[in-house]
Amino acid sequence: MLLAAALVIGSAFFFMGPGKNLRDLSLPQRVSLVVLGLLATALVTVAARGVLLAGVLGTICMLYVVQSWSLSRKFQFFLYLALVMSAAYELLPKPQAQVYVDLMTLPEILKEPGHYARVRGTGNQVWDAATKAWVPNIRSSVPILGPDSCHVIDQGVNSLAIRRTLYQEAGVMFMHNPLWGVGAASFGRYSCAEEMGFPHSTVLQSFAELGFVGGLLYCGLLISALFSLIQQAFNNVFKTSNAVAQLTLSLYVMYLLTDQLYGNYFMAVGSYFLIGVASSMRNNPTWNAAPEPGNV
């Protein structure tokens, strides 16, 4: 997540430089362009598809709101990042698959007596250290879609299929409890993810756990902050583009997408921080004096 945020912030500082096209770039801009290429390569290497998508979307948002660069120059910048990412994907080794296999494999030390008594493994089994054998897993939750829907989550391999199951569970929970939901932090009680589970989407989680009332209030908070930042990014009072608001808006868009792929509304710290910044900018007129990109 830090890599994606660094990509967006680096793009903002790049556009704040004095050069308005790729031929007239200052030395700091040229250095930042190299750093952005390294960040893009790192995002591809770690193989976190959701984070990569969020970083790209935040960067596109920054490209859209910046007014000091022409559309063709913006396209050249985006094409540069796209080429770097494509080259990294094609040329660099892909060890991440083995990393995920290792994460799903039970370490030998946990199979010895004296360590965790029962460790969950693949499928519907857990390792019982007392008997040194795999035994049937007794779930601590009651899956709302039935036990047969849990095999994808138990295997823990296909992240898209896992999210699809979690999203479906959230939708059914909302349909069964449309007004008030199943209760805050209660998603795991009715999910294959078991206790402490969440649907990896703050919006779906809010509707599933808090119902229509809580979900609507939560979405209203997110949308209100988004429109406030858009308004600040294009300040109609001073007729200038607010560079700080543009960066904040781009980061907020990035975190919003991330929260819909990984998020739990109890831990969406990045989004909440930026919502606070948006509120401060709305109520503090001194934010309007923020410099225009290129004049820093």
C-alpha atoms as a PDB file:
ATOM      1  CA  MET A   1       0.000   0.000   0.000  1.00  0.00           C
ATOM      2  CA  LEU A   2       2.887   2.321   0.768  1.00  0.00           C
ATOM      3  CA  LEU A   3       4.299   1.673  -2.707  1.00  0.00           C
ATOM      4  CA  ALA A   4       1.002   2.702  -4.323  1.00  0.00           C
ATOM      5  CA  ALA A   5       0.808   5.844  -2.188  1.00  0.00           C
ATOM      6  CA  ALA A   6       4.419   6.665  -3.046  1.00  0.00           C
ATOM      7  CA  LEU A   7       3.592   6.311  -6.761  1.00  0.00           C
ATOM      8  CA  VAL A   8       0.751   8.825  -6.468  1.00  0.00           C
ATOM      9  CA  ILE A   9       2.757  11.262  -4.331  1.00  0.00           C
ATOM     10  CA  GLY A  10       5.762  10.972  -6.635  1.00  0.00           C
ATOM     11  CA  SER A  11       3.548  11.734  -9.633  1.00  0.00           C
ATOM     12  CA  ALA A  12       2.237  14.835  -7.866  1.00  0.00           C
ATOM     13  CA  PHE A  13       5.730  16.167  -7.145  1.00  0.00           C
ATOM     14  CA  PHE A  14       6.749  15.411 -10.723  1.00  0.00           C
ATOM     15  CA  PHE A  15       3.915  17.561 -12.083  1.00  0.00           C
ATOM     16  CA  MET A  16       4.683  20.351  -9.610  1.00  0.00           C
ATOM     17  CA  GLY A  17       8.096  20.873 -11.192  1.00  0.00           C
ATOM     18  CA  PRO A  18       8.869  23.720 -13.594  1.00  0.00           C
ATOM     19  CA  GLY A  19       9.090  21.576 -16.739  1.00  0.00           C
ATOM     20  CA  LYS A  20       5.804  21.300 -18.608  1.00  0.00           C
ATOM     21  CA  ASN A  21       6.922  18.710 -21.152  1.00  0.00           C
ATOM     22  CA  LEU A  22       9.339  15.796 -21.244  1.00  0.00           C
ATOM     23  CA  ARG A  23      12.031  17.797 -23.077  1.00  0.00           C
ATOM     24  CA  ASP A  24      12.214  20.648 -20.555  1.00  0.00           C
ATOM     25  CA  LEU A  25      12.288  18.630 -17.349  1.00  0.00           C
ATOM     26  CA  SER A  26      14.391  19.878 -14.473  1.00  0.00           C
ATOM     27  CA  LEU A  27      16.947  17.599 -12.817  1.00  0.00           C
ATOM     28  CA  PRO A  28      14.647  16.815  -9.833  1.00  0.00           C
ATOM     29  CA  GLN A  29      11.877  15.931 -12.274  1.00  0.00           C
ATOM     30  CA  ARG A  30      14.171  13.590 -14.188  1.00  0.00           C
ATOM     31  CA  VAL A  31      15.237  11.923 -10.960  1.00  0.00           C
ATOM     32  CA  SER A  32      11.631  11.579  -9.847  1.00  0.00           C
ATOM     33  CA  LEU A  33      10.777  10.011 -13.208  1.00  0.00           C
ATOM     34  CA  VAL A  34      13.387   7.315 -12.578  1.00  0.00           C
ATOM     35  CA  VAL A  35      12.096   6.800  -9.030  1.00  0.00           C
ATOM     36  CA  LEU A  36       8.536   6.465 -10.352  1.00  0.00           C
ATOM     37  CA  GLY A  37       9.742   3.783 -12.757  1.00  0.00           C
ATOM     38  CA  LEU A  38      11.334   1.887  -9.869  1.00  0.00           C
ATOM     39  CA  LEU A  39       8.143   2.188  -7.814  1.00  0.00           C
ATOM     40  CA  ALA A  40       6.070   0.890 -10.729  1.00  0.00           C
ATOM     41  CA  THR A  41       8.484  -2.040 -11.096  1.00  0.00           C
ATOM     42  CA  ALA A  42       8.241  -2.811  -7.383  1.00  0.00           C
ATOM     43  CA  LEU A  43       4.436  -2.813  -7.518  1.00  0.00           C
ATOM     44  CA  VAL A  44       4.505  -5.352 -10.322  1.00  0.00           C
ATOM     45  CA  THR A  45       7.112  -7.471  -8.546  1.00  0.00           C
ATOM     46  CA  VAL A  46       5.157  -7.866  -5.304  1.00  0.00           C
ATOM     47  CA  ALA A  47       2.196  -9.088  -7.383  1.00  0.00           C
ATOM     48  CA  ALA A  48      -0.470  -7.367  -5.275  1.00  0.00           C
ATOM     49  CA  ARG A  49      -2.960  -6.830  -8.073  1.00  0.00           C
ATOM     50  CA  GLY A  50      -5.424  -4.797  -6.036  1.00  0.00           C
ATOM     51  CA  VAL A  51      -2.757  -2.427  -4.728  1.00  0.00           C
ATOM     52  CA  LEU A  52      -1.295  -2.066  -8.219  1.00  0.00           C
ATOM     53  CA  LEU A  53      -4.738  -1.225  -9.621  1.00  0.00           C
ATOM     54  CA  ALA A  54      -5.339   1.303  -6.827  1.00  0.00           C
ATOM     55  CA  GLY A  55      -1.975   2.975  -7.442  1.00  0.00           C
ATOM     56  CA  VAL A  56      -2.649   3.226 -11.175  1.00  0.00           C
ATOM     57  CA  LEU A  57      -6.129   4.660 -10.566  1.00  0.00           C
ATOM     58  CA  GLY A  58      -4.736   7.261  -8.139  1.00  0.00           C
ATOM     59  CA  THR A  59      -2.106   8.233 -10.695  1.00  0.00           C
ATOM     60  CA  ILE A  60      -4.746   8.544 -13.430  1.00  0.00           C
ATOM     61  CA  CYS A  61      -6.752  10.783 -11.113  1.00  0.00           C
ATOM     62  CA  MET A  62      -3.676  12.975 -10.651  1.00  0.00           C
ATOM     63  CA  LEU A  63      -3.217  13.134 -14.428  1.00  0.00           C
ATOM     64  CA  TYR A  64      -6.825  14.205 -14.841  1.00  0.00           C
ATOM     65  CA  VAL A  65      -6.857  17.006 -12.267  1.00  0.00           C
ATOM     66  CA  VAL A  66      -3.496  18.571 -13.175  1.00  0.00           C
ATOM     67  CA  GLN A  67      -4.148  21.495 -15.520  1.00  0.00           C
ATOM     68  CA  SER A  68      -0.609  22.701 -16.250  1.00  0.00           C
ATOM     69  CA  TRP A  69       0.242  19.798 -18.583  1.00  0.00           C
ATOM     70  CA  SER A  70      -1.327  19.165 -21.983  1.00  0.00           C
ATOM     71  CA  LEU A  71      -3.263  15.996 -22.708  1.00  0.00           C
ATOM     72  CA  SER A  72      -0.551  14.671 -25.016  1.00  0.00           C
ATOM     73  CA  ARG A  73       2.139  15.189 -22.351  1.00  0.00           C
ATOM     74  CA  LYS A  74      -0.015  13.406 -19.783  1.00  0.00           C
ATOM     75  CA  PHE A  75      -0.453  10.513 -22.193  1.00  0.00           C
ATOM     76  CA  GLN A  76       3.324  10.286 -22.672  1.00  0.00           C
ATOM     77  CA  PHE A  77       3.807  10.131 -18.894  1.00  0.00           C
ATOM     78  CA  PHE A  78       1.191   7.411 -18.493  1.00  0.00           C
ATOM     79  CA  LEU A  79       2.625   5.498 -21.447  1.00  0.00           C
ATOM     80  CA  TYR A  80       6.043   5.587 -19.758  1.00  0.00           C
ATOM     81  CA  LEU A  81       4.616   4.002 -16.587  1.00  0.00           C
ATOM     82  CA  ALA A  82       2.651   1.455 -18.612  1.00  0.00           C
ATOM     83  CA  LEU A  83       5.757   0.412 -20.545  1.00  0.00           C
ATOM     84  CA  VAL A  84       7.779   0.081 -17.344  1.00  0.00           C
ATOM     85  CA  MET A  85       5.095  -2.094 -15.741  1.00  0.00           C
ATOM     86  CA  SER A  86       4.743  -4.235 -18.857  1.00  0.00           C
ATOM     87  CA  ALA A  87       8.488  -4.742 -19.092  1.00  0.00           C
ATOM     88  CA  ALA A  88       8.688  -5.639 -15.404  1.00  0.00           C
ATOM     89  CA  TYR A  89       5.886  -8.172 -15.777  1.00  0.00           C
ATOM     90  CA  GLU A  90       7.438  -9.808 -18.841  1.00  0.00           C
ATOM     91  CA  LEU A  91      11.129  -9.737 -17.924  1.00  0.00           C
ATOM     92  CA  LEU A  92      11.354 -10.146 -14.154  1.00  0.00           C
ATOM     93  CA  PRO A  93      11.068 -13.606 -12.558  1.00  0.00           C
ATOM     94  CA  LYS A  94       7.773 -14.429 -10.918  1.00  0.00           C
ATOM     95  CA  PRO A  95       8.594 -16.018  -7.538  1.00  0.00           C
ATOM     96  CA  GLN A  96       5.377 -14.809  -5.937  1.00  0.00           C
ATOM     97  CA  ALA A  97       3.488 -18.011  -6.786  1.00  0.00           C
ATOM     98  CA  GLN A  98       5.926 -20.045  -4.671  1.00  0.00           C
ATOM     99  CA  VAL A  99       5.659 -17.452  -1.912  1.00  0.00           C
ATOM    100  CA  TYR A 100       1.904 -18.008  -1.727  1.00  0.00           C
ATOM    101  CA  VAL A 101       2.383 -21.785  -1.734  1.00  0.00           C
ATOM    102  CA  ASP A 102       4.802 -21.465   1.183  1.00  0.00           C
ATOM    103  CA  LEU A 103       2.305 -19.317   3.070  1.00  0.00           C
ATOM    104  CA  MET A 104      -0.372 -21.994   2.637  1.00  0.00           C
ATOM    105  CA  THR A 105       1.931 -24.813   3.782  1.00  0.00           C
ATOM    106  CA  LEU A 106       1.939 -25.676   7.458  1.00  0.00           C
ATOM    107  CA  PRO A 107       5.442 -25.154   8.943  1.00  0.00           C
ATOM    108  CA  GLU A 108       7.002 -28.330  10.344  1.00  0.00           C
ATOM    109  CA  ILE A 109       7.546 -26.700  13.747  1.00  0.00           C
ATOM    110  CA  LEU A 110       3.792 -26.392  14.206  1.00  0.00           C
ATOM    111  CA  LYS A 111       3.423 -30.149  13.822  1.00  0.00           C
ATOM    112  CA  GLU A 112       5.450 -30.782  16.965  1.00  0.00           C
ATOM    113  CA  PRO A 113       3.858 -31.189  20.408  1.00  0.00           C
ATOM    114  CA  GLY A 114       4.038 -28.103  22.554  1.00  0.00           C
ATOM    115  CA  HIS A 115       3.065 -25.739  19.779  1.00  0.00           C
ATOM    116  CA  TYR A 116      -0.396 -24.696  18.646  1.00  0.00           C
ATOM    117  CA  ALA A 117      -2.844 -27.449  19.475  1.00  0.00           C
ATOM    118  CA  ARG A 118      -4.934 -27.069  16.317  1.00  0.00           C
ATOM    119  CA  VAL A 119      -3.779 -25.293  13.188  1.00  0.00           C
ATOM    120  CA  ARG A 120      -6.073 -24.850  10.232  1.00  0.00           C
ATOM    121  CA  GLY A 121      -4.849 -26.325   6.970  1.00  0.00           C
ATOM    122  CA  THR A 122      -6.205 -26.608   3.456  1.00  0.00           C
ATOM    123  CA  GLY A 123      -9.672 -28.009   2.918  1.00  0.00           C
ATOM    124  CA  ASN A 124     -11.977 -28.705   5.859  1.00  0.00           C
ATOM    125  CA  GLN A 125      -9.239 -30.022   8.152  1.00  0.00           C
ATOM    126  CA  VAL A 126      -6.956 -28.826  10.930  1.00  0.00           C
ATOM    127  CA  TRP A 127      -3.710 -30.258  12.293  1.00  0.00           C
ATOM    128  CA  ASP A 128      -4.130 -31.665  15.797  1.00  0.00           C
ATOM    129  CA  ALA A 129      -0.735 -31.548  17.545  1.00  0.00           C
ATOM    130  CA  ALA A 130      -1.891 -33.938  20.253  1.00  0.00           C
ATOM    131  CA  THR A 131      -2.634 -36.796  17.865  1.00  0.00           C
ATOM    132  CA  LYS A 132      -0.265 -35.649  15.101  1.00  0.00           C
ATOM    133  CA  ALA A 133      -2.993 -36.037  12.529  1.00  0.00           C
ATOM    134  CA  TRP A 134      -5.379 -34.058  10.373  1.00  0.00           C
ATOM    135  CA  VAL A 135      -8.883 -33.981  11.860  1.00  0.00           C
ATOM    136  CA  PRO A 136     -12.169 -32.486  10.599  1.00  0.00           C
ATOM    137  CA  ASN A 137     -12.472 -28.756  11.121  1.00  0.00           C
ATOM    138  CA  ILE A 138     -15.322 -27.650  13.363  1.00  0.00           C
ATOM    139  CA  ARG A 139     -16.267 -24.159  12.272  1.00  0.00           C
ATOM    140  CA  SER A 140     -16.829 -21.380  14.761  1.00  0.00           C
ATOM    141  CA  SER A 141     -19.318 -19.771  12.364  1.00  0.00           C
ATOM    142  CA  VAL A 142     -22.525 -20.684  10.553  1.00  0.00           C
ATOM    143  CA  PRO A 143     -21.947 -19.836   6.858  1.00  0.00           C
ATOM    144  CA  ILE A 144     -25.012 -18.086   5.530  1.00  0.00           C
ATOM    145  CA  LEU A 145     -24.532 -19.698   2.087  1.00  0.00           C
ATOM    146  CA  GLY A 146     -24.039 -23.142   3.581  1.00  0.00           C
ATOM    147  CA  PRO A 147     -20.885 -25.186   4.337  1.00  0.00           C
ATOM    148  CA  ASP A 148     -20.480 -26.218   0.698  1.00  0.00           C
ATOM    149  CA  SER A 149     -19.719 -22.612  -0.247  1.00  0.00           C
ATOM    150  CA  CYS A 150     -16.590 -22.586   1.911  1.00  0.00           C
ATOM    151  CA  HIS A 151     -14.285 -24.821  -0.118  1.00  0.00           C
ATOM    152  CA  VAL A 152     -12.899 -21.857  -2.090  1.00  0.00           C
ATOM    153  CA  ILE A 153     -12.006 -19.971   1.089  1.00  0.00           C
ATOM    154  CA  ASP A 154     -10.634 -23.101   2.763  1.00  0.00           C
ATOM    155  CA  GLN A 155      -8.281 -23.687  -0.157  1.00  0.00           C
ATOM    156  CA  GLY A 156      -7.156 -20.048   0.006  1.00  0.00           C
ATOM    157  CA  VAL A 157      -5.654 -19.969  -3.501  1.00  0.00           C
ATOM    158  CA  ASN A 158      -7.985 -18.129  -5.888  1.00  0.00           C
ATOM    159  CA  SER A 159      -8.321 -14.596  -4.507  1.00  0.00           C
ATOM    160  CA  LEU A 160     -10.983 -13.625  -7.069  1.00  0.00           C
ATOM    161  CA  ALA A 161     -13.166 -16.601  -6.157  1.00  0.00           C
ATOM    162  CA  ILE A 162     -12.656 -15.885  -2.455  1.00  0.00           C
ATOM    163  CA  ARG A 163     -13.796 -12.282  -2.862  1.00  0.00           C
ATOM    164  CA  ARG A 164     -16.762 -13.343  -4.952  1.00  0.00           C
ATOM    165  CA  THR A 165     -17.890 -15.663  -2.145  1.00  0.00           C
ATOM    166  CA  LEU A 166     -17.384 -12.972   0.492  1.00  0.00           C
ATOM    167  CA  TYR A 167     -19.310 -10.422  -1.577  1.00  0.00           C
ATOM    168  CA  GLN A 168     -22.160 -12.893  -2.050  1.00  0.00           C
ATOM    169  CA  GLU A 169     -22.260 -13.548   1.692  1.00  0.00           C
ATOM    170  CA  ALA A 170     -22.441  -9.812   2.394  1.00  0.00           C
ATOM    171  CA  GLY A 171     -25.298  -9.428  -0.081  1.00  0.00           C
ATOM    172  CA  VAL A 172     -27.308 -12.263   1.451  1.00  0.00           C
ATOM    173  CA  MET A 173     -26.739 -10.910   4.967  1.00  0.00           C
ATOM    174  CA  PHE A 174     -28.109  -7.555   3.864  1.00  0.00           C
ATOM    175  CA  MET A 175     -31.126  -9.166   2.211  1.00  0.00           C
ATOM    176  CA  HIS A 176     -31.893 -11.113   5.389  1.00  0.00           C
ATOM    177  CA  ASN A 177     -31.394  -8.075   7.669  1.00  0.00           C
ATOM    178  CA  PRO A 178     -32.005  -5.055   5.414  1.00  0.00           C
ATOM    179  CA  LEU A 179     -32.742  -2.416   8.047  1.00  0.00           C
ATOM    180  CA  TRP A 180     -30.128  -2.810  10.783  1.00  0.00           C
ATOM    181  CA  GLY A 181     -27.829  -5.554   9.439  1.00  0.00           C
ATOM    182  CA  VAL A 182     -26.339  -8.448  11.388  1.00  0.00           C
ATOM    183  CA  GLY A 183     -24.459  -6.177  13.802  1.00  0.00           C
ATOM    184  CA  ALA A 184     -21.093  -4.444  13.813  1.00  0.00           C
ATOM    185  CA  ALA A 185     -18.135  -6.855  13.595  1.00  0.00           C
ATOM    186  CA  SER A 186     -20.566  -9.769  13.185  1.00  0.00           C
ATOM    187  CA  PHE A 187     -19.902 -10.623   9.543  1.00  0.00           C
ATOM    188  CA  GLY A 188     -17.593 -13.495  10.495  1.00  0.00           C
ATOM    189  CA  ARG A 189     -20.316 -15.255  12.502  1.00  0.00           C
ATOM    190  CA  TYR A 190     -22.219 -15.967   9.304  1.00  0.00           C
ATOM    191  CA  SER A 191     -19.287 -16.287   6.905  1.00  0.00           C
ATOM    192  CA  CYS A 192     -16.868 -18.966   5.818  1.00  0.00           C
ATOM    193  CA  ALA A 193     -14.165 -16.537   6.949  1.00  0.00           C
ATOM    194  CA  GLU A 194     -15.280 -17.312  10.530  1.00  0.00           C
ATOM    195  CA  GLU A 195     -14.792 -15.031  13.541  1.00  0.00           C
ATOM    196  CA  MET A 196     -13.089 -11.713  12.777  1.00  0.00           C
ATOM    197  CA  GLY A 197     -13.775 -12.212   9.056  1.00  0.00           C
ATOM    198  CA  PHE A 198     -14.878  -9.334   6.852  1.00  0.00           C
ATOM    199  CA  PRO A 199     -15.984  -9.090   3.192  1.00  0.00           C
ATOM    200  CA  HIS A 200     -12.940  -7.127   1.974  1.00  0.00           C
ATOM    201  CA  SER A 201     -15.152  -4.199   1.019  1.00  0.00           C
ATOM    202  CA  THR A 202     -16.022  -1.435   3.447  1.00  0.00           C
ATOM    203  CA  VAL A 203     -19.198  -0.532   1.547  1.00  0.00           C
ATOM    204  CA  LEU A 204     -20.518  -4.104   1.492  1.00  0.00           C
ATOM    205  CA  GLN A 205     -19.458  -4.572   5.103  1.00  0.00           C
ATOM    206  CA  SER A 206     -21.372  -1.472   6.175  1.00  0.00           C
ATOM    207  CA  PHE A 207     -24.582  -2.655   4.519  1.00  0.00           C
ATOM    208  CA  ALA A 208     -24.193  -6.257   5.729  1.00  0.00           C
ATOM    209  CA  GLU A 209     -23.386  -5.356   9.339  1.00  0.00           C
ATOM    210  CA  LEU A 210     -25.179  -2.014   9.774  1.00  0.00           C
ATOM    211  CA  GLY A 211     -28.068  -2.434   7.350  1.00  0.00           C
ATOM    212  CA  PHE A 212     -29.574   0.171   5.062  1.00  0.00           C
ATOM    213  CA  VAL A 213     -29.412   2.914   7.685  1.00  0.00           C
ATOM    214  CA  GLY A 214     -25.757   2.435   8.613  1.00  0.00           C
ATOM    215  CA  GLY A 215     -24.674   1.655   5.063  1.00  0.00           C
ATOM    216  CA  LEU A 216     -26.318   4.786   3.730  1.00  0.00           C
ATOM    217  CA  LEU A 217     -24.688   6.945   6.385  1.00  0.00           C
ATOM    218  CA  TYR A 218     -21.291   5.388   5.727  1.00  0.00           C
ATOM    219  CA  CYS A 219     -21.547   5.834   1.962  1.00  0.00           C
ATOM    220  CA  GLY A 220     -22.779   9.374   2.514  1.00  0.00           C
ATOM    221  CA  LEU A 221     -19.605  10.119   4.471  1.00  0.00           C
ATOM    222  CA  LEU A 222     -17.403   8.724   1.687  1.00  0.00           C
ATOM    223  CA  ILE A 223     -19.258  10.554  -1.089  1.00  0.00           C
ATOM    224  CA  SER A 224     -19.391  13.829   0.843  1.00  0.00           C
ATOM    225  CA  ALA A 225     -15.606  13.784   1.308  1.00  0.00           C
ATOM    226  CA  LEU A 226     -15.097  12.924  -2.363  1.00  0.00           C
ATOM    227  CA  PHE A 227     -17.195  15.840  -3.623  1.00  0.00           C
ATOM    228  CA  SER A 228     -15.575  18.191  -1.111  1.00  0.00           C
ATOM    229  CA  LEU A 229     -12.112  17.268  -2.399  1.00  0.00           C
ATOM    230  CA  ILE A 230     -13.204  17.646  -6.018  1.00  0.00           C
ATOM    231  CA  GLN A 231     -14.524  21.098  -5.184  1.00  0.00           C
ATOM    232  CA  GLN A 232     -11.285  22.035  -3.447  1.00  0.00           C
ATOM    233  CA  ALA A 233      -9.153  20.658  -6.278  1.00  0.00           C
ATOM    234  CA  PHE A 234     -10.768  23.138  -8.664  1.00  0.00           C
ATOM    235  CA  ASN A 235     -11.236  26.194  -6.478  1.00  0.00           C
ATOM    236  CA  ASN A 236     -13.838  28.409  -8.080  1.00  0.00           C
ATOM    237  CA  VAL A 237     -13.149  31.310  -5.740  1.00  0.00           C
ATOM    238  CA  PHE A 238      -9.511  31.892  -6.665  1.00  0.00           C
ATOM    239  CA  LYS A 239      -9.780  30.399 -10.176  1.00  0.00           C
ATOM    240  CA  THR A 240      -6.680  28.331  -9.552  1.00  0.00           C
ATOM    241  CA  SER A 241      -6.089  24.628  -9.151  1.00  0.00           C
ATOM    242  CA  ASN A 242      -5.211  23.632  -5.600  1.00  0.00           C
ATOM    243  CA  ALA A 243      -2.144  21.373  -5.719  1.00  0.00           C
ATOM    244  CA  VAL A 244      -2.598  20.062  -2.170  1.00  0.00           C
ATOM    245  CA  ALA A 245      -6.248  19.233  -2.804  1.00  0.00           C
ATOM    246  CA  GLN A 246      -5.342  17.510  -6.071  1.00  0.00           C
ATOM    247  CA  LEU A 247      -2.856  15.264  -4.282  1.00  0.00           C
ATOM    248  CA  THR A 248      -5.330  14.579  -1.465  1.00  0.00           C
ATOM    249  CA  LEU A 249      -8.079  13.750  -3.969  1.00  0.00           C
ATOM    250  CA  SER A 250      -5.818  11.330  -5.849  1.00  0.00           C
ATOM    251  CA  LEU A 251      -4.773   9.566  -2.639  1.00  0.00           C
ATOM    252  CA  TYR A 252      -8.380   9.408  -1.487  1.00  0.00           C
ATOM    253  CA  VAL A 253      -9.491   7.785  -4.758  1.00  0.00           C
ATOM    254  CA  MET A 254      -6.658   5.272  -4.367  1.00  0.00           C
ATOM    255  CA  TYR A 255      -7.637   4.399  -0.791  1.00  0.00           C
ATOM    256  CA  LEU A 256     -11.336   4.164  -1.707  1.00  0.00           C
ATOM    257  CA  LEU A 257     -10.574   1.516  -4.301  1.00  0.00           C
ATOM    258  CA  THR A 258      -8.233  -0.327  -1.953  1.00  0.00           C
ATOM    259  CA  ASP A 259     -10.937  -0.410   0.716  1.00  0.00           C
ATOM    260  CA  GLN A 260     -13.275  -2.136  -1.736  1.00  0.00           C
ATOM    261  CA  LEU A 261     -10.688  -4.840  -2.426  1.00  0.00           C
ATOM    262  CA  TYR A 262      -9.113  -5.397   0.986  1.00  0.00           C
ATOM    263  CA  GLY A 263     -10.877  -3.117   3.418  1.00  0.00           C
ATOM    264  CA  ASN A 264     -12.460  -3.446   6.830  1.00  0.00           C
ATOM    265  CA  TYR A 265     -14.187  -0.266   8.012  1.00  0.00           C
ATOM    266  CA  PHE A 266     -12.653  -0.728  11.452  1.00  0.00           C
ATOM    267  CA  MET A 267      -9.174  -0.449   9.924  1.00  0.00           C
ATOM    268  CA  ALA A 268      -9.607   1.945   6.955  1.00  0.00           C
ATOM    269  CA  VAL A 269      -7.176   4.401   8.534  1.00  0.00           C
ATOM    270  CA  GLY A 270      -5.958   5.926   5.270  1.00  0.00           C
ATOM    271  CA  SER A 271      -9.447   6.816   4.066  1.00  0.00           C
ATOM    272  CA  TYR A 272     -10.486   8.231   7.438  1.00  0.00           C
ATOM    273  CA  PHE A 273      -7.363  10.373   7.645  1.00  0.00           C
ATOM    274  CA  LEU A 274      -8.055  11.846   4.208  1.00  0.00           C
ATOM    275  CA  ILE A 275     -11.713  12.409   5.112  1.00  0.00           C
ATOM    276  CA  GLY A 276     -10.436  14.467   8.045  1.00  0.00           C
ATOM    277  CA  VAL A 277      -8.149  16.399   5.717  1.00  0.00           C
ATOM    278  CA  ALA A 278     -11.091  17.055   3.386  1.00  0.00           C
ATOM    279  CA  SER A 279     -13.151  18.356   6.293  1.00  0.00           C
ATOM    280  CA  SER A 280     -10.315  20.628   7.414  1.00  0.00           C
ATOM    281  CA  MET A 281      -9.851  21.990   3.905  1.00  0.00           C
ATOM    282  CA  ARG A 282     -13.541  22.717   3.602  1.00  0.00           C
ATOM    283  CA  ASN A 283     -13.679  24.670   6.850  1.00  0.00           C
ATOM    284  CA  ASN A 284     -10.312  26.423   6.658  1.00  0.00           C
ATOM    285  CA  PRO A 285     -10.127  29.095   3.919  1.00  0.00           C
ATOM    286  CA  THR A 286      -6.322  29.273   4.115  1.00  0.00           C
ATOM    287  CA  TRP A 287      -6.202  25.995   2.194  1.00  0.00           C
ATOM    288  CA  ASN A 288      -7.440  27.960  -0.831  1.00  0.00           C
ATOM    289  CA  ALA A 289      -4.088  29.716  -1.077  1.00  0.00           C
ATOM    290  CA  ALA A 290      -2.293  26.457  -1.908  1.00  0.00           C
ATOM    291  CA  PRO A 291       0.034  26.924  -4.882  1.00  0.00           C
ATOM    292  CA  GLU A 292      -0.710  25.874  -8.405  1.00  0.00           C
ATOM    293  CA  PRO A 293       1.439  23.017  -9.792  1.00  0.00           C
ATOM    294  CA  GLY A 294       4.555  24.403 -11.442  1.00  0.00           C
ATOM    295  CA  ASN A 295       4.765  27.383  -9.088  1.00  0.00           C
ATOM    296  CA  VAL A 296       6.204  25.567  -6.108  1.00  0.00           C
END
